[in-house]
Protein backbone atom coordinates (compact mmCIF):
# COMPACT_ATOMS: atom_id res chain seq x y z
CA MET A 1 153.13 65.57 50.98
CA ASP A 2 151.91 65.02 47.39
CA MET A 3 148.57 66.21 46.02
CA GLN A 4 146.94 62.80 46.30
CA SER A 5 147.86 62.49 49.98
CA LEU A 6 146.60 66.01 50.61
CA GLN A 7 143.29 65.20 48.94
CA LEU A 8 142.93 62.04 50.99
CA PHE A 9 143.71 63.96 54.20
CA LEU A 10 141.24 66.73 53.40
CA SER A 11 138.50 64.32 52.38
CA ALA A 12 138.98 62.29 55.55
CA THR A 13 139.11 65.39 57.78
CA LEU A 14 136.13 67.06 56.13
CA GLY A 15 134.19 63.81 56.20
CA GLU A 16 134.86 63.39 59.93
CA LEU A 17 133.96 67.02 60.57
CA ALA A 18 130.73 66.68 58.60
CA ILE A 19 129.79 63.61 60.62
CA LYS A 20 130.49 65.47 63.86
CA VAL A 21 128.46 68.51 62.75
CA ALA A 22 125.56 66.28 61.71
CA ALA A 23 125.80 64.41 65.01
CA ALA A 24 125.91 67.70 66.94
CA LEU A 25 122.79 68.92 65.12
CA ALA A 26 121.07 65.61 65.88
CA PHE A 27 122.10 65.88 69.54
CA TRP A 28 120.76 69.46 69.67
CA ILE A 29 117.41 68.56 68.09
CA VAL A 30 116.93 65.43 70.18
CA GLY A 31 118.22 67.18 73.31
CA ARG A 32 115.81 70.09 72.87
CA TRP A 33 112.97 67.63 72.34
CA LEU A 34 113.90 65.70 75.47
CA ILE A 35 114.20 68.93 77.48
CA GLY A 36 110.70 69.90 76.36
CA LYS A 37 109.40 66.50 77.43
CA VAL A 38 111.13 66.73 80.81
CA ILE A 39 109.69 70.21 81.45
CA SER A 40 106.22 69.00 80.43
CA LEU A 41 106.48 66.00 82.77
CA ILE A 42 107.66 68.15 85.68
CA GLN A 43 104.95 70.76 85.17
CA GLY A 44 102.32 68.06 84.62
CA ALA A 45 103.27 66.35 87.88
CA MET A 46 103.18 69.66 89.76
CA ASN A 47 99.78 70.49 88.27
CA ARG A 48 98.40 67.09 89.26
CA ASN A 49 99.57 67.76 92.81
CA HIS A 50 97.88 71.18 92.73
CA VAL A 51 101.12 73.12 93.04
CA ASP A 52 100.76 76.89 92.61
CA PRO A 53 100.79 77.72 88.83
CA THR A 54 103.22 80.57 89.53
CA LEU A 55 105.73 78.20 91.13
CA THR A 56 105.20 75.65 88.35
CA LYS A 57 106.07 78.11 85.58
CA TYR A 58 108.98 79.59 87.52
CA LEU A 59 110.62 76.23 88.25
CA GLY A 60 109.99 75.13 84.67
CA SER A 61 111.97 78.14 83.41
CA VAL A 62 114.85 77.46 85.81
CA VAL A 63 115.08 73.77 84.88
CA ALA A 64 114.89 74.59 81.16
CA ILE A 65 117.81 77.02 81.39
CA ALA A 66 119.93 74.55 83.39
CA LEU A 67 119.26 71.67 80.97
CA ASN A 68 120.00 73.83 77.93
CA ILE A 69 123.37 74.84 79.40
CA ALA A 70 124.14 71.18 80.10
CA LEU A 71 123.19 70.29 76.51
CA VAL A 72 125.52 72.94 75.06
CA LEU A 73 128.40 71.76 77.27
CA GLY A 74 127.79 68.17 76.18
CA ILE A 75 127.89 69.10 72.50
CA LEU A 76 131.11 71.08 73.01
CA GLY A 77 132.62 68.08 74.80
CA TYR A 78 131.70 65.87 71.83
CA PHE A 79 133.76 68.18 69.58
CA GLY A 80 136.73 67.73 71.91
CA ILE A 81 136.56 71.14 73.54
CA GLN A 82 137.65 71.04 77.19
CA THR A 83 134.39 71.78 78.97
CA THR A 84 136.14 72.25 82.31
CA SER A 85 138.02 75.23 80.90
CA PHE A 86 134.85 76.42 79.25
CA ALA A 87 132.94 76.08 82.52
CA ALA A 88 135.60 78.12 84.31
CA LEU A 89 135.43 80.71 81.55
CA LEU A 90 131.66 80.71 81.82
CA ALA A 91 131.87 81.19 85.57
CA GLY A 92 134.27 84.12 85.15
CA ALA A 93 132.04 85.63 82.51
CA GLY A 94 129.10 85.11 84.84
CA VAL A 95 130.82 87.15 87.54
CA ALA A 96 131.55 89.95 85.08
CA ILE A 97 128.05 89.86 83.65
CA GLY A 98 126.61 89.72 87.17
CA ALA A 99 128.46 92.90 88.11
CA ALA A 100 127.23 94.63 84.96
CA TRP A 101 123.71 93.25 85.16
CA SER A 102 123.17 93.48 88.89
CA GLY A 103 119.68 94.78 88.25
CA LEU A 104 118.69 91.64 86.36
CA LEU A 105 120.15 89.42 89.07
CA GLY A 106 118.29 91.49 91.64
CA ASN A 107 115.07 90.85 89.73
CA PHE A 108 115.90 87.13 89.67
CA ALA A 109 116.50 87.05 93.44
CA ALA A 110 113.33 89.07 94.06
CA GLY A 111 111.36 86.54 92.00
CA ALA A 112 112.63 83.75 94.25
CA PHE A 113 111.54 85.65 97.37
CA ILE A 114 108.13 86.32 95.82
CA LEU A 115 107.68 82.58 95.35
CA ILE A 116 108.70 81.90 98.95
CA LEU A 117 106.56 84.61 100.56
CA ARG A 118 103.68 84.18 98.05
CA PRO A 119 102.09 87.66 98.30
CA PHE A 120 100.11 86.85 95.14
CA LYS A 121 99.61 84.09 92.57
CA VAL A 122 98.65 83.74 88.92
CA GLY A 123 95.09 85.00 88.40
CA ASP A 124 95.08 87.46 91.31
CA PHE A 125 94.01 91.06 90.72
CA VAL A 126 96.78 93.22 92.19
CA ASN A 127 98.47 96.60 92.26
CA ILE A 128 102.25 96.19 92.11
CA GLY A 129 104.92 98.60 91.01
CA GLY A 130 102.24 101.18 90.22
CA VAL A 131 100.48 98.81 87.79
CA THR A 132 96.98 97.44 88.44
CA GLY A 133 95.75 94.29 86.73
CA THR A 134 95.53 90.51 86.71
CA VAL A 135 98.71 88.46 87.19
CA ARG A 136 99.35 86.32 84.10
CA GLU A 137 102.82 84.96 84.81
CA LEU A 138 105.74 85.28 87.20
CA GLY A 139 108.90 85.04 85.09
CA LEU A 140 112.56 84.78 86.02
CA PHE A 141 113.06 88.53 85.95
CA GLY A 142 109.61 90.12 85.72
CA THR A 143 105.93 89.66 86.51
CA SER A 144 103.44 89.86 83.61
CA ILE A 145 100.22 91.73 84.35
CA VAL A 146 97.18 92.27 82.13
CA THR A 147 95.65 95.67 82.94
CA PRO A 148 91.86 96.25 82.89
CA ASP A 149 92.17 97.87 79.42
CA ASN A 150 93.77 94.60 78.16
CA VAL A 151 97.39 95.76 77.96
CA LEU A 152 100.14 93.28 78.83
CA THR A 153 102.59 94.98 81.20
CA ILE A 154 105.80 93.46 82.57
CA VAL A 155 107.06 94.76 85.91
CA GLY A 156 110.58 93.89 87.10
CA ASN A 157 110.52 91.58 90.11
CA GLY A 158 112.89 93.92 91.96
CA LYS A 159 110.33 96.72 91.66
CA VAL A 160 107.54 94.35 92.67
CA PHE A 161 109.32 93.14 95.80
CA GLY A 162 110.72 96.58 96.69
CA GLU A 163 107.38 98.43 96.75
CA SER A 164 103.97 98.00 98.32
CA ILE A 165 101.82 95.14 97.02
CA GLN A 166 98.04 95.38 97.02
CA ASN A 167 96.29 92.05 96.45
CA TYR A 168 92.60 92.62 95.81
CA SER A 169 91.93 88.88 95.48
CA SER A 170 93.36 87.73 98.81
CA LEU A 171 90.13 88.53 100.69
CA PRO A 172 86.71 87.23 99.61
CA LEU A 173 85.03 90.65 99.38
CA ARG A 174 86.01 94.13 98.23
CA ARG A 175 84.23 97.42 98.97
CA VAL A 176 83.06 99.72 96.17
CA GLU A 177 83.59 103.40 97.06
CA ARG A 178 81.02 105.81 95.62
CA THR A 179 79.51 109.13 96.81
CA ALA A 180 76.29 110.94 95.99
CA GLN A 181 76.36 114.75 96.07
CA LEU A 182 72.77 115.90 96.72
CA ALA A 183 71.20 119.32 96.36
CA VAL A 184 70.39 121.73 99.17
CA GLY A 185 67.01 120.91 100.70
CA VAL A 186 67.17 117.15 100.08
CA ASP A 187 66.54 115.19 103.28
CA PRO A 188 69.72 113.09 103.77
CA LEU A 189 67.94 110.56 105.99
CA GLU A 190 65.33 109.90 103.32
CA ALA A 191 68.11 109.67 100.73
CA ILE A 192 69.96 107.08 102.81
CA GLU A 193 66.86 104.85 102.98
CA ARG A 194 66.25 105.17 99.24
CA PHE A 195 69.86 104.35 98.42
CA LYS A 196 69.85 101.33 100.72
CA ALA A 197 66.88 99.83 98.89
CA ALA A 198 68.31 100.58 95.45
CA VAL A 199 71.81 99.21 96.17
CA ALA A 200 70.45 96.06 97.82
CA ALA A 201 68.73 95.21 94.52
CA ILE A 202 71.98 95.35 92.51
CA PRO A 203 73.13 91.86 91.33
CA ASN A 204 76.23 90.38 93.01
CA VAL A 205 76.17 92.75 95.99
CA ALA A 206 77.31 90.73 99.00
CA GLU A 207 74.64 89.79 101.51
CA GLU A 208 77.01 88.78 104.33
CA MET A 209 78.35 92.36 104.48
CA PRO A 210 75.47 94.83 103.99
CA PRO A 211 76.13 98.01 101.98
CA GLU A 212 77.33 100.99 104.02
CA ILE A 213 75.12 104.02 103.26
CA ASN A 214 76.07 106.98 105.48
CA LEU A 215 75.98 110.78 105.63
CA LEU A 216 79.58 111.56 104.66
CA ASP A 217 79.61 115.38 104.61
CA ILE A 218 77.50 118.56 104.48
CA ARG A 219 78.62 121.15 101.96
CA LEU A 220 77.30 124.37 100.46
CA GLU A 221 76.01 122.33 97.53
CA GLY A 222 74.11 120.03 99.89
CA PRO A 223 74.62 116.77 101.79
CA VAL A 224 77.06 114.09 100.55
CA ILE A 225 76.06 110.44 100.95
CA ALA A 226 78.67 107.65 100.98
CA VAL A 227 77.42 104.61 99.06
CA ARG A 228 79.64 101.57 99.71
CA PRO A 229 78.44 98.11 98.70
CA TYR A 230 80.62 95.00 99.04
CA THR A 231 81.20 92.43 96.30
CA HIS A 232 83.68 89.84 95.04
CA THR A 233 86.64 91.17 93.05
CA ASP A 234 85.39 89.43 89.89
CA ASN A 235 82.19 91.51 90.04
CA TYR A 236 83.78 94.78 91.17
CA TRP A 237 83.33 96.83 88.00
CA GLN A 238 79.81 95.55 87.37
CA VAL A 239 78.75 96.61 90.88
CA TYR A 240 80.70 99.87 90.53
CA PHE A 241 78.83 100.96 87.40
CA ASP A 242 75.47 99.60 88.62
CA THR A 243 75.88 101.64 91.81
CA ASN A 244 76.42 104.82 89.77
CA GLU A 245 73.26 104.06 87.79
CA ALA A 246 71.32 103.34 90.99
CA ILE A 247 72.34 106.71 92.45
CA VAL A 248 71.18 108.54 89.31
CA ARG A 249 67.95 106.56 89.14
CA VAL A 250 67.06 107.27 92.79
CA CYS A 251 67.65 111.00 92.34
CA LYS A 252 65.59 111.05 89.16
CA ASP A 253 62.67 109.08 90.63
CA ALA A 254 62.63 111.30 93.73
CA GLY A 255 62.68 114.47 91.62
CA TRP A 256 65.71 115.91 93.44
CA PRO A 257 67.38 118.86 91.69
CA ALA A 258 71.03 118.88 90.75
CA PRO A 259 73.31 120.38 93.45
CA SER A 260 74.51 123.95 92.87
CA ALA A 261 76.56 126.22 95.12
CA LEU A 262 75.28 129.24 93.14
CA HIS A 263 71.69 128.24 94.01
CA GLN A 264 72.65 128.18 97.67
CA PHE A 265 74.16 131.69 97.54
CA LYS A 266 71.04 133.05 95.83
CA GLN A 267 68.86 131.60 98.57
CA VAL A 268 71.00 133.23 101.27
CA ALA A 269 70.87 136.59 99.46
């Protein structure tokens, strides 16, 4: 083969290769755009039909991964690569990766069960895997939670499904647990009545379930009063802190002294 023939061959080959590369890039860009549109249409239809946001995001992720794999296989087929062999290789690699990454696959399977059993949804305030906060998203392998101090925490779905789940949003009302340690000599019955009036005046305290104000214990320091108002989860911390302030304000207005075990021992002596 002379130099001129070689140049013609190289120019023709390189030209064809350049066209294929350009076409592959065009296919990738257009394919990614179409995948985005398809995901948007699917999620939009599910939102219009009031499908759970958690399920919507989860299925959107699954469909996106499947379509991206199909797009890559299509581009490889355009270059003349035998996609059947590649698919078999991919399947074999998947088995090997699955054995090595069994934990990730376990998280994936746990995420599917979470969607089926629906112990919580996006926006619920929960305690899962030792993390307390608001559910932002249920991903393929982990659940994203925003803690009360505004920290994004991701908990593996395997840990979520394998441990106890506390959903504070599943019921309409939640009880605030507070106690008031009073001094020796304070009449607990009078204290109960004062606390009832003060807690009832706190905003967002539930009316359908009256606050529970009871004599919890009697100690050397004095009687202990349980102060337990009910409220919606969204107002929990507001009622929690307002209840603390109400307890302090009642004690101050009544002129009750601070509890002290040492004071009790001196009185006995």
